[in-house]
Protein backbone atom coordinates (compact mmCIF):
# COMPACT_ATOMS: atom_id res chain seq x y z
CA MET A 1 6.73 -2.56 -128.25
CA SER A 2 9.77 -3.30 -130.50
CA LEU A 3 12.40 -0.66 -131.20
CA GLY A 4 11.31 -0.45 -134.76
CA SER A 5 7.65 0.13 -133.66
CA PHE A 6 8.81 2.75 -131.33
CA ILE A 7 10.70 4.73 -133.97
CA ARG A 8 7.75 4.61 -136.37
CA LYS A 9 5.34 5.80 -133.70
CA GLN A 10 4.35 9.43 -134.18
CA PHE A 11 4.33 11.80 -131.29
CA ILE A 12 2.05 14.89 -130.84
CA ASP A 13 3.76 17.97 -129.64
CA ILE A 14 0.87 20.44 -129.97
CA LEU A 15 -2.86 19.70 -129.26
CA GLN A 16 -5.32 22.33 -130.40
CA TRP A 17 -8.66 22.64 -132.30
CA ASN A 18 -9.17 25.14 -135.02
CA GLU A 19 -12.88 25.30 -135.58
CA ASP A 20 -13.57 25.37 -139.20
CA GLY A 21 -17.25 26.16 -138.97
CA ASP A 22 -20.40 26.25 -136.89
CA GLY A 23 -22.38 23.32 -135.51
CA VAL A 24 -19.70 21.04 -133.84
CA LEU A 25 -20.12 20.77 -130.15
CA ALA A 26 -17.28 18.09 -129.38
CA TRP A 27 -14.31 17.09 -131.40
CA ARG A 28 -11.83 14.41 -130.49
CA HIS A 29 -8.13 15.09 -131.28
CA PRO A 30 -7.02 12.45 -133.90
CA MET A 31 -5.01 9.86 -131.79
CA GLN A 32 -4.84 6.97 -134.44
CA ASP A 33 -1.07 5.66 -134.30
CA PHE A 34 -0.28 8.75 -132.21
CA GLU A 35 0.98 9.19 -128.59
CA ILE A 36 1.24 12.46 -126.73
CA GLN A 37 4.77 13.61 -126.08
CA TYR A 38 5.55 14.26 -122.43
CA GLY A 39 5.65 18.13 -122.12
CA ALA A 40 3.44 18.66 -125.15
CA SER A 41 1.64 21.90 -125.46
CA LEU A 42 -2.18 21.93 -125.09
CA THR A 43 -3.82 25.14 -126.29
CA VAL A 44 -7.47 25.79 -125.44
CA ARG A 45 -8.87 28.92 -126.96
CA GLU A 46 -11.56 31.22 -125.79
CA SER A 47 -15.03 29.76 -126.28
CA GLN A 48 -13.52 26.25 -125.81
CA MET A 49 -12.71 23.64 -123.10
CA ALA A 50 -10.86 20.50 -123.22
CA VAL A 51 -11.31 17.09 -121.44
CA PHE A 52 -8.30 14.72 -120.85
CA VAL A 53 -9.53 11.11 -120.72
CA ASN A 54 -7.12 8.36 -119.63
CA GLU A 55 -8.17 4.66 -119.74
CA GLY A 56 -11.78 5.73 -120.39
CA LYS A 57 -12.04 7.99 -117.37
CA VAL A 58 -12.04 11.79 -117.25
CA ALA A 59 -8.72 12.74 -115.77
CA ASP A 60 -8.90 16.55 -115.91
CA VAL A 61 -10.73 19.54 -117.60
CA PHE A 62 -8.91 22.45 -119.04
CA GLY A 63 -10.34 25.93 -119.60
CA PRO A 64 -8.97 28.62 -122.07
CA GLY A 65 -5.25 28.87 -121.94
CA MET A 66 -2.00 27.07 -122.88
CA TYR A 67 -0.68 24.19 -120.99
CA LYS A 68 2.41 22.02 -120.82
CA LEU A 69 1.34 18.44 -120.15
CA THR A 70 3.72 17.27 -117.41
CA THR A 71 3.14 15.66 -113.99
CA GLN A 72 2.79 19.15 -112.52
CA THR A 73 -0.10 20.18 -114.77
CA LEU A 74 -1.53 16.65 -115.20
CA PRO A 75 -1.03 14.76 -112.05
CA VAL A 76 -2.46 11.53 -113.73
CA LEU A 77 0.76 11.19 -115.64
CA THR A 78 2.53 9.95 -112.52
CA TYR A 79 0.49 6.85 -112.63
CA LEU A 80 0.93 6.10 -116.31
CA LYS A 81 3.10 3.07 -117.04
CA ASN A 82 6.56 3.82 -118.31
CA TRP A 83 9.24 1.53 -119.49
CA ASP A 84 11.60 3.22 -117.18
CA LYS A 85 10.69 5.33 -114.07
CA LEU A 86 13.48 7.62 -114.91
CA PHE A 87 12.36 8.08 -118.51
CA GLU A 88 9.74 10.68 -119.27
CA SER A 89 7.97 8.71 -121.99
CA PRO A 90 5.09 9.54 -124.42
CA PHE A 91 1.65 8.45 -123.26
CA LYS A 92 -1.58 7.26 -124.93
CA SER A 93 -4.64 9.23 -123.83
CA ASP A 94 -7.50 11.06 -125.52
CA VAL A 95 -8.10 14.84 -125.56
CA ILE A 96 -11.62 15.95 -126.57
CA PHE A 97 -12.33 19.70 -127.27
CA PHE A 98 -15.69 21.22 -126.57
CA SER A 99 -17.23 24.34 -127.91
CA THR A 100 -18.57 26.61 -125.26
CA ARG A 101 -20.01 29.20 -127.71
CA LEU A 102 -23.84 30.12 -127.38
CA GLN A 103 -25.85 28.04 -129.84
CA LEU A 104 -28.32 30.74 -131.03
CA GLY A 105 -31.54 30.53 -132.78
CA ARG A 106 -32.28 26.89 -132.30
CA ARG A 107 -35.80 26.31 -133.41
CA TRP A 108 -38.45 24.10 -131.67
CA GLY A 109 -41.90 23.13 -132.51
CA THR A 110 -44.64 20.57 -131.97
CA ALA A 111 -44.49 17.92 -134.62
CA GLN A 112 -48.13 16.97 -133.79
CA PRO A 113 -50.88 19.20 -132.22
CA VAL A 114 -51.09 18.79 -128.42
CA THR A 115 -54.77 18.15 -127.17
CA LEU A 116 -55.47 20.25 -123.99
CA ARG A 117 -58.58 21.25 -121.95
CA ASP A 118 -59.41 24.92 -122.59
CA SER A 119 -61.65 26.80 -120.20
CA GLU A 120 -63.60 28.59 -123.01
CA PHE A 121 -63.51 26.13 -125.98
CA GLY A 122 -63.36 22.79 -124.14
CA MET A 123 -60.98 20.28 -125.63
CA VAL A 124 -58.64 21.91 -128.19
CA ARG A 125 -55.63 20.92 -130.13
CA LEU A 126 -52.66 23.47 -130.16
CA ARG A 127 -49.50 23.90 -132.09
CA ALA A 128 -46.58 25.85 -130.60
CA PHE A 129 -43.34 27.14 -132.14
CA GLY A 130 -40.30 29.14 -130.90
CA VAL A 131 -36.58 29.48 -130.44
CA TYR A 132 -33.98 28.85 -127.71
CA SER A 133 -30.35 29.11 -127.20
CA TYR A 134 -27.83 27.06 -124.95
CA GLN A 135 -24.16 26.40 -124.42
CA ILE A 136 -22.02 23.73 -122.71
CA THR A 137 -20.85 24.67 -119.31
CA ASP A 138 -19.83 21.32 -117.93
CA PRO A 139 -17.92 19.38 -120.62
CA ALA A 140 -17.10 16.43 -118.31
CA LYS A 141 -20.68 15.87 -117.63
CA PHE A 142 -21.61 16.36 -121.32
CA TYR A 143 -18.94 13.80 -122.13
CA ARG A 144 -20.31 11.27 -119.72
CA GLU A 145 -24.06 11.76 -120.57
CA ILE A 146 -24.16 12.82 -124.25
CA SER A 147 -21.11 12.67 -126.58
CA GLY A 148 -19.23 9.75 -125.16
CA THR A 149 -16.60 8.22 -127.37
CA ARG A 150 -17.65 9.83 -130.65
CA ASP A 151 -15.06 11.52 -132.70
CA VAL A 152 -17.49 14.33 -133.57
CA TYR A 153 -20.72 15.42 -131.93
CA THR A 154 -22.79 18.12 -133.63
CA VAL A 155 -25.60 20.42 -132.78
CA ASP A 156 -27.91 18.46 -134.93
CA ASP A 157 -27.13 15.24 -132.98
CA LEU A 158 -28.29 17.04 -129.79
CA GLU A 159 -31.35 18.77 -131.25
CA ALA A 160 -33.64 15.69 -131.28
CA GLN A 161 -33.11 15.10 -127.56
CA LEU A 162 -33.46 18.78 -126.51
CA ARG A 163 -36.48 19.27 -128.67
CA ASN A 164 -38.48 16.36 -127.09
CA MET A 165 -37.68 17.76 -123.67
CA VAL A 166 -38.90 21.25 -124.83
CA VAL A 167 -42.16 19.98 -126.18
CA ALA A 168 -42.85 17.97 -122.90
CA ALA A 169 -42.17 21.07 -120.84
CA MET A 170 -44.34 23.20 -123.17
CA THR A 171 -47.19 20.68 -122.89
CA THR A 172 -46.96 20.73 -119.08
CA ALA A 173 -46.87 24.48 -118.93
CA LEU A 174 -49.92 24.95 -121.32
CA GLY A 175 -51.87 22.28 -119.46
CA GLY A 176 -51.27 23.71 -115.96
CA SER A 177 -51.58 27.44 -116.92
CA LYS A 178 -55.40 27.49 -117.17
CA VAL A 179 -55.11 30.45 -119.48
CA PRO A 180 -57.85 30.45 -122.12
CA PHE A 181 -56.47 30.10 -125.74
CA LEU A 182 -57.72 33.68 -126.84
CA ASP A 183 -55.50 35.03 -123.85
CA ILE A 184 -52.39 33.14 -124.63
CA ALA A 185 -51.00 35.68 -126.94
CA GLY A 186 -51.04 38.19 -124.10
CA ASN A 187 -49.21 35.74 -121.84
CA GLN A 188 -46.50 34.43 -124.14
CA GLY A 189 -43.78 36.29 -122.24
CA LEU A 190 -44.87 34.75 -118.86
CA MET A 191 -45.29 31.37 -120.58
CA SER A 192 -41.81 31.50 -121.97
CA GLN A 193 -40.40 32.25 -118.52
CA SER A 194 -42.31 29.46 -116.98
CA ILE A 195 -41.09 26.88 -119.50
CA GLY A 196 -37.53 28.09 -119.32
CA GLU A 197 -37.54 27.66 -115.55
CA GLN A 198 -38.79 24.17 -115.96
CA LEU A 199 -36.19 23.27 -118.62
CA GLY A 200 -33.20 24.75 -116.73
CA PRO A 201 -32.50 21.87 -114.40
CA VAL A 202 -33.22 19.36 -117.21
CA PHE A 203 -30.58 20.96 -119.39
CA GLU A 204 -28.00 21.16 -116.52
CA ARG A 205 -28.22 17.34 -116.05
CA TYR A 206 -26.44 17.05 -119.42
CA GLY A 207 -23.77 19.76 -118.74
CA VAL A 208 -25.67 22.24 -120.78
CA LYS A 209 -27.03 25.70 -119.65
CA LEU A 210 -30.24 27.06 -121.22
CA ASP A 211 -29.58 30.68 -122.10
CA ASN A 212 -32.94 31.83 -123.54
CA PHE A 213 -36.34 30.35 -124.30
CA THR A 214 -39.03 31.93 -126.29
CA VAL A 215 -42.46 31.07 -127.29
CA GLU A 216 -43.18 32.73 -130.72
CA ASN A 217 -46.52 31.46 -131.63
CA VAL A 218 -49.33 29.23 -130.33
CA SER A 219 -52.00 28.35 -132.89
CA LEU A 220 -54.78 26.07 -133.69
CA PRO A 221 -54.85 23.35 -136.51
CA GLU A 222 -56.30 24.60 -139.83
CA GLU A 223 -59.64 23.12 -139.44
CA LEU A 224 -60.12 24.52 -135.80
CA GLN A 225 -58.93 27.84 -136.97
CA LYS A 226 -61.66 28.01 -139.57
CA ALA A 227 -64.30 27.32 -136.94
CA LEU A 228 -62.74 30.15 -134.87
CA ASP A 229 -62.90 32.57 -137.65
CA THR A 230 -66.64 31.75 -138.14
CA ARG A 231 -67.23 32.48 -134.59
CA ILE A 232 -65.28 35.80 -134.83
CA SER A 233 -67.23 36.72 -137.96
CA MET A 234 -70.55 36.19 -136.10
CA GLY A 235 -69.24 38.34 -133.22
CA MET A 236 -68.38 41.20 -135.56
CA ALA A 237 -71.86 41.08 -137.23
CA GLY A 238 -73.10 42.69 -134.09
CA ASP A 239 -76.92 43.39 -134.07
CA LEU A 240 -78.51 40.74 -136.23
CA GLY A 241 -81.68 42.86 -136.89
CA LYS A 242 -79.71 45.65 -138.42
CA PHE A 243 -77.47 43.10 -140.28
CA THR A 244 -80.73 41.61 -141.72
CA GLN A 245 -81.87 45.05 -142.85
CA TYR A 246 -78.59 45.80 -144.44
CA GLN A 247 -78.74 42.39 -146.41
CA THR A 248 -82.19 43.24 -147.55
CA ALA A 249 -81.13 46.57 -148.92
CA THR A 250 -78.15 45.32 -150.68
CA SER A 251 -80.20 42.46 -152.20
CA ILE A 252 -82.63 44.84 -154.06
CA PRO A 253 -80.02 46.12 -156.72
CA LEU A 254 -78.83 42.50 -157.27
CA ALA A 255 -82.37 41.29 -157.74
CA ALA A 256 -83.17 44.10 -160.16
CA GLN A 257 -80.42 42.77 -162.46
CA ASN A 258 -82.14 39.27 -162.51
CA GLU A 259 -84.52 38.05 -165.15
CA GLY A 260 -87.52 38.64 -162.86
CA GLY A 261 -86.45 42.17 -162.22
CA ILE A 262 -88.55 44.40 -159.84
CA ALA A 263 -91.49 41.90 -160.25
CA GLY A 264 -89.30 39.26 -158.78
CA ILE A 265 -88.51 41.56 -155.93
CA GLY A 266 -92.23 42.11 -155.17
CA ALA A 267 -93.00 38.50 -155.25
CA GLY A 268 -90.02 37.81 -153.06
CA LEU A 269 -91.04 40.43 -150.61
CA ALA A 270 -94.66 39.27 -150.44
CA ALA A 271 -93.56 35.79 -149.72
CA GLY A 272 -91.07 37.10 -147.24
CA ALA A 273 -93.84 39.12 -145.46
CA ALA A 274 -96.04 36.14 -145.19
CA LEU A 275 -93.12 34.06 -143.76
CA GLY A 276 -92.34 36.98 -141.34
CA GLN A 277 -96.03 37.03 -139.98
CA THR A 278 -95.89 33.29 -139.50
CA MET A 279 -92.53 33.59 -137.51
CA ALA A 280 -93.94 36.41 -135.44
CA ALA A 281 -97.00 34.38 -134.61
CA GLY A 282 -94.78 31.54 -133.53
CA LEU A 283 -92.73 33.81 -131.40
CA GLY A 284 -95.90 35.18 -129.72
CA VAL A 285 -97.30 31.72 -129.12
CA ALA A 286 -93.97 30.55 -127.43
CA ALA A 287 -93.89 33.59 -125.18
CA GLY A 288 -97.63 33.30 -124.38
CA GLN A 289 -98.27 36.78 -125.85
CA PRO A 290 -100.10 37.78 -129.03
CA ALA A 291 -97.93 38.14 -132.16
CA ALA A 292 -98.11 41.96 -132.49
CA GLY A 293 -96.10 45.04 -132.11
CA ALA A 294 -92.44 44.77 -132.14
CA GLN A 295 -92.48 40.95 -132.53
CA ALA A 296 -94.42 41.21 -135.65
CA ALA A 297 -92.24 43.86 -137.04
CA ALA A 298 -89.11 41.89 -136.28
CA GLY A 299 -90.75 38.85 -137.97
CA THR A 300 -91.68 40.78 -140.98
CA ALA A 301 -88.28 42.18 -141.40
CA ALA A 302 -86.62 38.87 -141.20
CA GLY A 303 -89.15 37.40 -143.61
CA ALA A 304 -88.61 40.33 -146.03
CA ALA A 305 -84.94 39.74 -145.89
CA ALA A 306 -85.39 36.10 -146.77
CA GLY A 307 -87.82 37.01 -149.58
CA ALA A 308 -85.34 39.49 -150.89
CA ALA A 309 -82.62 37.07 -150.82
CA ALA A 310 -84.78 34.44 -152.71
CA ALA A 311 -85.64 37.02 -155.27
CA SER A 312 -82.15 37.98 -156.00
CA GLY A 313 -81.15 34.33 -156.52
CA VAL A 314 -78.41 34.61 -153.90
């Protein structure tokens, strides 16, 4: 290095990171055409940590506090090349700051329905959604495994990787739980805990601690939800015999408003009665008994309901 280049070289006396907003996990202190002055001040604020990188390797990690970068606080400086061993020269290294704040309200969800075997419905496809939170606890590991040499690494950069791990763990938990879909709502707390326990070691591999994991909703795709709604409606109908009588009673006022009027009702009921007798006879033959008594009455009621419905034009 020439004397002119040395004079033009700019030296850094203070290294610090003033976070301007949310969403940044790692920030490299600008080092273009700069060298760190021997004895410079390194300020690491609460909710931050700093990694000192020399010649591509992590030399030291600093927690919150203020440090003077000397051979006492940073032993690696004793191995840096100086022009003169008696001269405490500036040095060229990298300092990366990391945010250790909790990243709250990070949403996760299945991009596509997950196909699982349900003990009650057979094969079903489920969607799941929820939130989780995390924080960086090992910046050196995070630097090696995730952020690397990038100048800025954001929450959004990390989301895709974490979301894939979350969905994989969720799928494993649902598939191994053997909890029927209809009982999942009552077990979401236990499911959240189980998935969180599976994800904890995976997050730690990247220097990240999973603080909280919550399953907010597990649902069926729209077409399967409609089929479930139909099944629920049938269950709510209860006694089908009484339901048929109710339909017959409600059909009479509607039929009276039609062009055929009450005459239409009579014709409909007559036809329904005949149909009911036929149905009753069929039931009796199938059971090996004469079509009489309660069976005939049930058949007549069903037929009357059908006739009333036909008369009303419904």
